[in-house]
């Protein structure tokens, strides 16, 4: 399953970040075969910066991922640009690990 295939099931998909705990999100990620990298703070950064880019829930995140595009990164990482190239998810497809969510601007 690639990052474009991730889909949350049940109520968690529509739960706002401010109402969700980190462990709950991590369990949902594990359920779909992904994880957050050790010490990478994906959820913390997504919870902090996601709403400024229109990502309020896990289902919003999935829509953003599907509407985004990937470019190769370094050391086996992939940069997946979302929100019309105004935010980025860094992940490792081989290990199915989400590393970070950050705001920025895509530049060729």
Protein backbone atom coordinates (compact mmCIF):
# COMPACT_ATOMS: atom_id res chain seq x y z
CA UNK A 1 0.00 0.00 0.00
CA UNK A 2 1.44 3.34 -1.05
CA UNK A 3 0.74 6.71 0.52
CA UNK A 4 -2.01 7.35 -2.06
CA UNK A 5 -3.82 4.22 -0.86
CA UNK A 6 -4.05 5.21 2.81
CA UNK A 7 -7.64 5.48 3.99
CA UNK A 8 -8.93 5.87 7.53
CA UNK A 9 -12.06 3.97 8.51
CA UNK A 10 -14.69 4.86 11.04
CA UNK A 11 -15.14 7.95 13.15
CA UNK A 12 -11.46 8.82 13.35
CA UNK A 13 -11.52 10.02 9.74
CA UNK A 14 -13.67 13.00 10.68
CA UNK A 15 -12.18 13.71 14.12
CA UNK A 16 -10.58 17.14 14.41
CA UNK A 17 -6.91 17.27 15.39
CA UNK A 18 -7.65 19.27 18.53
CA UNK A 19 -9.88 16.43 19.77
CA UNK A 20 -7.50 13.62 18.87
CA UNK A 21 -4.64 12.26 20.93
CA UNK A 22 -1.30 11.25 19.47
CA UNK A 23 -1.70 7.60 20.52
CA UNK A 24 -5.12 7.42 18.86
CA UNK A 25 -3.66 8.73 15.58
CA UNK A 26 -0.69 6.33 15.83
CA UNK A 27 -3.06 3.36 16.27
CA UNK A 28 -5.04 4.46 13.22
CA UNK A 29 -1.81 4.75 11.20
CA UNK A 30 -0.67 1.28 12.28
CA UNK A 31 -4.09 -0.09 11.32
CA UNK A 32 -3.51 1.09 7.72
CA UNK A 33 0.07 -0.21 7.66
CA UNK A 34 1.96 3.06 8.28
CA UNK A 35 3.73 4.60 11.26
CA UNK A 36 5.29 7.82 12.43
CA UNK A 37 9.07 7.78 12.45
CA UNK A 38 10.77 7.61 15.82
CA UNK A 39 11.31 11.15 17.10
CA UNK A 40 9.93 12.73 13.91
CA UNK A 41 6.86 14.52 15.29
CA UNK A 42 4.65 14.11 12.20
CA UNK A 43 1.44 14.26 14.21
CA UNK A 44 2.57 17.22 16.30
CA UNK A 45 3.47 19.25 13.21
CA UNK A 46 0.31 18.23 11.37
CA UNK A 47 -1.83 19.16 14.35
CA UNK A 48 -0.08 22.56 14.61
CA UNK A 49 0.21 23.52 10.91
CA UNK A 50 -2.43 21.41 9.13
CA UNK A 51 -5.38 23.68 9.94
CA UNK A 52 -3.58 26.69 8.41
CA UNK A 53 -3.59 24.72 5.16
CA UNK A 54 -7.17 23.44 5.40
CA UNK A 55 -6.30 20.06 6.93
CA UNK A 56 -8.52 19.71 10.00
CA UNK A 57 -9.11 15.93 10.10
CA UNK A 58 -7.50 12.68 8.90
CA UNK A 59 -9.91 12.62 5.96
CA UNK A 60 -8.77 16.14 5.00
CA UNK A 61 -5.21 14.81 5.12
CA UNK A 62 -6.12 11.93 2.79
CA UNK A 63 -7.74 14.34 0.31
CA UNK A 64 -4.67 16.57 0.41
CA UNK A 65 -2.40 13.57 -0.21
CA UNK A 66 -4.47 12.40 -3.17
CA UNK A 67 -4.47 15.91 -4.68
CA UNK A 68 -0.72 16.30 -4.15
CA UNK A 69 2.38 15.17 -6.00
CA UNK A 70 5.65 13.51 -5.02
CA UNK A 71 9.26 14.30 -5.82
CA UNK A 72 12.27 12.23 -4.78
CA UNK A 73 14.11 13.31 -1.67
CA UNK A 74 17.40 12.18 -0.16
CA UNK A 75 18.23 8.97 1.68
CA UNK A 76 15.16 7.06 0.43
CA UNK A 77 12.72 9.76 1.45
CA UNK A 78 9.96 11.20 -0.69
CA UNK A 79 8.65 14.76 -0.55
CA UNK A 80 4.91 14.80 -1.16
CA UNK A 81 3.65 18.30 -1.83
CA UNK A 82 0.07 19.01 -0.78
CA UNK A 83 -2.22 22.05 -0.57
CA UNK A 84 -1.29 23.36 -4.02
CA UNK A 85 2.41 23.07 -3.19
CA UNK A 86 2.12 25.09 0.03
CA UNK A 87 2.87 22.23 2.43
CA UNK A 88 4.89 19.04 2.32
CA UNK A 89 4.81 15.59 3.83
CA UNK A 90 8.16 13.82 4.05
CA UNK A 91 7.90 10.05 4.14
CA UNK A 92 9.79 6.85 3.47
CA UNK A 93 7.77 4.63 1.14
CA UNK A 94 9.94 1.56 1.74
CA UNK A 95 9.39 1.56 5.51
CA UNK A 96 5.91 3.17 5.28
CA UNK A 97 6.99 5.84 7.74
CA UNK A 98 5.65 9.38 7.93
CA UNK A 99 8.46 11.70 8.93
CA UNK A 100 7.18 15.27 9.00
CA UNK A 101 4.58 17.74 7.83
CA UNK A 102 5.81 21.21 7.11
CA UNK A 103 4.65 24.40 5.46
CA UNK A 104 6.58 25.74 2.50
CA UNK A 105 6.39 26.57 -1.17
CA UNK A 106 7.20 24.12 -3.94
CA UNK A 107 9.88 25.31 -6.34
CA UNK A 108 11.13 23.38 -9.37
